[in-house]
Amino acid sequence: MLAFIDFLAALPVRFEQARQAGVVAVKSDGGKNAAAAKQKKLQPVKEYALKLANEGNYRSRRSAAIGIKDRVSEFQLTTIGRALMPDQAQRTVEGWLKELGYVPNARRKEESDPKLE
């Protein structure tokens, strides 16, 4: 009989633990779904950034990000309805290029662009 009373006494604690675990699981699933939706929405913008970077003649990923950030931000504004944050645009575009495996073009001396040096 004592074991049963202990069992009953522990029920509120068990219910609270189960409730908290359920809330965490629901929040986690909701967060994963939201992140996946955001990534899906941003994919065309990332691909546009990669296309612009590949079309340019940049010595580094950083110089590519600097060169295309304004056009990518404008594209994102027309596509999603929200531009890149101006103070984070370069870092964001650079991260996307890294994520997508961008490799800067090899440059020859005769193709040198003084703007990028």
Protein backbone atom coordinates (compact mmCIF):
# COMPACT_ATOMS: atom_id res chain seq x y z
CA MET A 1 0.00 0.00 0.00
CA LEU A 2 2.90 2.36 0.76
CA ALA A 3 4.34 1.88 -2.73
CA PHE A 4 0.99 2.87 -4.23
CA ILE A 5 0.87 6.06 -2.14
CA ASP A 6 4.42 6.93 -3.25
CA PHE A 7 3.36 6.29 -6.83
CA LEU A 8 0.38 8.64 -6.47
CA ALA A 9 2.52 11.28 -4.76
CA ALA A 10 4.99 11.23 -7.65
CA LEU A 11 2.29 11.62 -10.33
CA PRO A 12 2.23 15.46 -10.42
CA VAL A 13 5.99 15.54 -10.92
CA ARG A 14 5.77 12.93 -13.69
CA PHE A 15 2.93 14.80 -15.40
CA GLU A 16 4.94 18.06 -15.28
CA GLN A 17 8.01 16.35 -16.73
CA ALA A 18 5.94 14.78 -19.51
CA ARG A 19 4.27 18.12 -20.28
CA GLN A 20 7.62 19.91 -20.49
CA ALA A 21 9.07 17.22 -22.72
CA GLY A 22 6.02 17.48 -24.99
CA VAL A 23 6.32 21.27 -25.23
CA VAL A 24 10.01 21.04 -26.08
CA ALA A 25 9.28 18.46 -28.77
CA VAL A 26 6.52 20.60 -30.29
CA LYS A 27 8.69 23.73 -30.23
CA SER A 28 11.57 21.83 -31.79
CA ASP A 29 9.39 20.48 -34.61
CA GLY A 30 7.89 23.92 -35.20
CA GLY A 31 11.35 25.48 -35.34
CA LYS A 32 12.58 22.87 -37.79
CA ASN A 33 9.57 23.43 -40.04
CA ALA A 34 10.04 27.21 -39.96
CA ALA A 35 13.76 26.91 -40.73
CA ALA A 36 13.07 24.57 -43.65
CA ALA A 37 10.46 26.98 -45.05
CA LYS A 38 12.89 29.91 -44.75
CA GLN A 39 15.65 27.97 -46.52
CA LYS A 40 13.26 27.00 -49.32
CA LYS A 41 12.23 30.62 -49.76
CA LEU A 42 15.87 31.82 -49.81
CA GLN A 43 17.14 29.18 -52.25
CA PRO A 44 16.44 31.20 -55.44
CA VAL A 45 18.25 34.21 -53.92
CA LYS A 46 21.27 32.07 -53.02
CA GLU A 47 21.37 30.60 -56.52
CA TYR A 48 21.16 34.11 -58.01
CA ALA A 49 24.13 35.16 -55.85
CA LEU A 50 26.14 32.16 -57.06
CA LYS A 51 25.23 32.94 -60.68
CA LEU A 52 26.40 36.55 -60.32
CA ALA A 53 29.62 35.47 -58.63
CA ASN A 54 30.38 32.94 -61.34
CA GLU A 55 29.72 35.53 -64.06
CA GLY A 56 32.18 37.97 -62.48
CA ASN A 57 35.93 37.81 -62.38
CA TYR A 58 36.68 37.91 -58.66
CA ARG A 59 39.91 36.98 -56.88
CA SER A 60 38.22 35.86 -53.69
CA ARG A 61 34.87 34.98 -52.20
CA ARG A 62 35.01 38.20 -50.19
CA SER A 63 35.54 40.40 -53.24
CA ALA A 64 32.70 38.57 -55.01
CA ALA A 65 30.39 39.22 -52.05
CA ILE A 66 31.34 42.91 -52.02
CA GLY A 67 30.76 43.17 -55.75
CA ILE A 68 27.33 41.51 -55.87
CA LYS A 69 25.74 42.27 -52.49
CA ASP A 70 23.65 45.21 -53.73
CA ARG A 71 22.22 43.28 -56.71
CA VAL A 72 21.51 40.26 -54.51
CA SER A 73 19.76 42.46 -51.94
CA GLU A 74 17.64 44.04 -54.69
CA PHE A 75 16.76 40.58 -56.05
CA GLN A 76 15.78 39.38 -52.59
CA LEU A 77 13.58 42.46 -52.13
CA THR A 78 11.69 41.72 -55.36
CA THR A 79 11.53 37.97 -54.72
CA ILE A 80 10.74 37.78 -51.01
CA GLY A 81 9.71 41.32 -50.21
CA ARG A 82 12.55 41.96 -47.77
CA ALA A 83 16.04 43.17 -48.60
CA LEU A 84 19.23 42.01 -46.91
CA MET A 85 20.28 43.98 -43.84
CA PRO A 86 22.76 46.56 -45.22
CA ASP A 87 25.32 46.01 -42.46
CA GLN A 88 25.13 42.20 -42.85
CA ALA A 89 24.70 41.87 -46.63
CA GLN A 90 28.34 41.16 -47.42
CA ARG A 91 28.70 38.57 -44.67
CA THR A 92 25.41 36.91 -45.63
CA VAL A 93 26.27 36.68 -49.33
CA GLU A 94 29.77 35.45 -48.52
CA GLY A 95 28.30 32.72 -46.32
CA TRP A 96 25.91 31.67 -49.06
CA LEU A 97 28.73 31.49 -51.59
CA LYS A 98 30.75 29.34 -49.21
CA GLU A 99 27.74 27.11 -48.55
CA LEU A 100 27.16 26.66 -52.29
CA GLY A 101 30.82 25.83 -52.97
CA TYR A 102 31.81 28.95 -54.90
CA VAL A 103 35.40 28.90 -56.13
CA PRO A 104 36.76 32.25 -57.38
CA ASN A 105 37.99 32.43 -60.95
CA ALA A 106 41.73 32.14 -61.46
CA ARG A 107 43.01 35.48 -62.70
CA ARG A 108 45.80 36.12 -65.15
CA LYS A 109 47.95 39.25 -65.06
CA GLU A 110 46.64 40.49 -68.40
CA GLU A 111 43.06 40.22 -67.11
CA SER A 112 43.89 42.16 -63.96
CA ASP A 113 41.17 44.53 -62.78
CA PRO A 114 42.60 47.44 -60.78
CA LYS A 115 39.29 47.90 -58.93
CA LEU A 116 39.61 44.51 -57.27
CA GLU A 117 43.30 44.66 -56.37
